[in-house]
Protein backbone atom coordinates (compact mmCIF):
# COMPACT_ATOMS: atom_id res chain seq x y z
CA UNK A 1 -0.50 23.01 -10.57
CA UNK A 2 -3.07 22.80 -13.35
CA UNK A 3 -0.90 25.01 -15.54
CA UNK A 4 2.23 23.02 -14.78
CA UNK A 5 0.52 19.72 -15.61
CA UNK A 6 -0.91 21.06 -18.86
CA UNK A 7 2.41 22.61 -19.91
CA UNK A 8 4.24 19.37 -19.17
CA UNK A 9 1.80 17.32 -21.24
CA UNK A 10 1.72 19.94 -24.00
CA UNK A 11 5.49 19.76 -24.37
CA UNK A 12 5.71 15.97 -23.99
CA UNK A 13 6.40 14.09 -27.22
CA UNK A 14 4.47 11.00 -26.09
CA UNK A 15 1.60 10.26 -23.70
CA UNK A 16 2.51 10.13 -20.01
CA UNK A 17 1.17 7.80 -17.35
CA UNK A 18 -0.39 9.06 -14.16
CA UNK A 19 2.65 7.72 -12.29
CA UNK A 20 5.04 9.68 -14.53
CA UNK A 21 2.99 12.85 -14.21
CA UNK A 22 2.85 12.61 -10.42
CA UNK A 23 6.57 11.88 -10.17
CA UNK A 24 7.56 14.69 -12.53
CA UNK A 25 5.36 17.22 -10.74
CA UNK A 26 6.44 15.82 -7.35
CA UNK A 27 2.87 15.43 -6.13
CA UNK A 28 0.76 12.48 -5.02
CA UNK A 29 -1.07 10.39 -7.59
CA UNK A 30 -4.34 11.57 -6.05
CA UNK A 31 -3.40 15.23 -6.60
CA UNK A 32 -2.25 14.53 -10.14
CA UNK A 33 -5.46 12.64 -10.85
CA UNK A 34 -7.58 15.53 -9.56
CA UNK A 35 -5.70 17.99 -11.78
CA UNK A 36 -6.05 15.71 -14.80
CA UNK A 37 -9.80 15.36 -14.24
CA UNK A 38 -10.11 19.15 -14.18
CA UNK A 39 -8.07 19.47 -17.37
CA UNK A 40 -10.14 16.73 -19.00
CA UNK A 41 -13.36 18.56 -18.10
CA UNK A 42 -11.97 21.53 -20.05
CA UNK A 43 -11.08 19.23 -22.97
CA UNK A 44 -7.43 20.22 -22.41
CA UNK A 45 -6.18 16.64 -21.95
CA UNK A 46 -7.44 13.27 -23.03
CA UNK A 47 -6.89 9.81 -21.73
CA UNK A 48 -5.00 7.48 -24.08
CA UNK A 49 -5.05 3.70 -24.01
CA UNK A 50 -1.69 2.05 -24.60
CA UNK A 51 -1.88 -1.53 -25.85
CA UNK A 52 -0.53 -4.04 -23.37
CA UNK A 53 -0.50 -1.61 -20.45
CA UNK A 54 -3.18 -1.15 -17.81
CA UNK A 55 -1.97 2.26 -16.69
CA UNK A 56 -3.82 5.45 -17.54
CA UNK A 57 -1.93 7.61 -20.05
CA UNK A 58 -2.67 11.21 -20.90
CA UNK A 59 -1.82 13.66 -23.64
CA UNK A 60 -2.57 17.34 -24.07
CA UNK A 61 -5.01 18.76 -26.59
CA UNK A 62 -2.77 21.01 -28.65
CA UNK A 63 -5.57 22.77 -30.55
CA UNK A 64 -6.53 25.68 -28.32
CA UNK A 65 -9.72 26.31 -30.28
CA UNK A 66 -11.00 22.89 -29.17
CA UNK A 67 -10.23 23.74 -25.56
CA UNK A 68 -12.02 27.07 -25.87
CA UNK A 69 -15.05 25.92 -27.89
CA UNK A 70 -15.70 22.57 -26.26
CA UNK A 71 -14.16 22.95 -22.82
CA UNK A 72 -14.02 26.44 -21.42
CA UNK A 73 -16.78 28.35 -23.20
CA UNK A 74 -19.66 26.06 -22.20
CA UNK A 75 -18.60 26.34 -18.56
CA UNK A 76 -18.25 30.11 -18.75
CA UNK A 77 -21.66 30.44 -20.42
CA UNK A 78 -23.27 28.25 -17.76
CA UNK A 79 -21.73 30.28 -14.92
CA UNK A 80 -22.75 33.51 -16.63
CA UNK A 81 -26.32 32.23 -16.93
CA UNK A 82 -26.38 31.39 -13.21
CA UNK A 83 -25.02 34.83 -12.34
CA UNK A 84 -27.67 36.47 -14.51
CA UNK A 85 -30.40 34.53 -12.76
CA UNK A 86 -29.09 35.59 -9.36
CA UNK A 87 -28.82 39.23 -10.41
CA UNK A 88 -32.41 39.13 -11.68
CA UNK A 89 -33.75 37.52 -8.49
CA UNK A 90 -31.89 39.99 -6.28
CA UNK A 91 -33.09 42.94 -8.34
CA UNK A 92 -36.69 41.72 -8.13
CA UNK A 93 -36.51 41.18 -4.37
CA UNK A 94 -34.92 44.62 -3.88
CA UNK A 95 -37.93 46.30 -5.45
CA UNK A 96 -40.48 44.43 -3.32
CA UNK A 97 -41.52 45.99 -0.04
CA UNK A 98 -40.87 43.78 2.95
CA UNK A 99 -42.07 44.71 6.42
CA UNK A 100 -39.33 45.89 8.75
CA UNK A 101 -38.66 43.72 11.77
CA UNK A 102 -36.68 44.63 14.89
CA UNK A 103 -33.92 42.20 13.90
CA UNK A 104 -33.83 43.38 10.30
CA UNK A 105 -34.62 47.07 10.10
CA UNK A 106 -35.30 48.53 6.69
CA UNK A 107 -32.34 50.03 4.87
CA UNK A 108 -32.36 53.79 4.21
CA UNK A 109 -33.95 54.66 0.83
CA UNK A 110 -30.69 56.12 -0.50
CA UNK A 111 -28.88 52.83 0.20
CA UNK A 112 -31.69 50.86 -1.45
CA UNK A 113 -31.50 53.07 -4.51
CA UNK A 114 -27.72 52.62 -4.73
CA UNK A 115 -28.04 48.83 -4.50
CA UNK A 116 -30.69 48.80 -7.25
CA UNK A 117 -28.44 51.01 -9.41
CA UNK A 118 -25.53 48.61 -8.95
CA UNK A 119 -27.72 45.61 -9.71
CA UNK A 120 -29.03 47.23 -12.91
CA UNK A 121 -25.46 48.00 -13.93
CA UNK A 122 -24.46 44.37 -13.28
CA UNK A 123 -27.51 43.21 -15.23
CA UNK A 124 -26.54 45.36 -18.23
CA UNK A 125 -22.97 44.08 -18.14
CA UNK A 126 -24.28 40.52 -17.91
CA UNK A 127 -26.49 41.04 -20.95
CA UNK A 128 -23.62 42.50 -22.98
CA UNK A 129 -21.27 39.65 -22.01
CA UNK A 130 -23.92 37.09 -22.88
CA UNK A 131 -24.38 38.66 -26.32
CA UNK A 132 -20.61 38.71 -26.97
CA UNK A 133 -20.04 35.13 -25.81
CA UNK A 134 -23.03 33.90 -27.80
CA UNK A 135 -22.21 35.81 -30.97
CA UNK A 136 -21.50 34.06 -34.24
CA UNK A 137 -18.57 36.41 -34.79
CA UNK A 138 -16.81 35.18 -31.64
CA UNK A 139 -17.47 31.58 -32.66
CA UNK A 140 -15.81 32.26 -36.00
CA UNK A 141 -12.74 33.76 -34.29
CA UNK A 142 -12.40 30.69 -32.11
């Protein structure tokens, strides 16, 4: 539904009210509003004020570089940072010895080694992605 709403606004020649959007998409105003808030958080749509009308009107951002630079990329970078933190914490805890308990017996050493190998691989991929997404070259392309 997010894609349908964005496409409709992108192709619209004038701003559309929330009522028009909901009616055209055949959804409730609440659903349309939720979708529009998500699109607005990505900088893909903006709210427009129409003189003499109290309704909320929306139009699409047609410059995809704005959507990427100001909307999507900051969110992706934040999620990537969170993932990196979790990978690091998990890798650190996997190398610490914890006493085995009857309810939680220690994993075989071969399984532990495989998990650490996978975590290191994920950590390396994370670092490479972070470098690419943070590079000046990518910023210039966008």
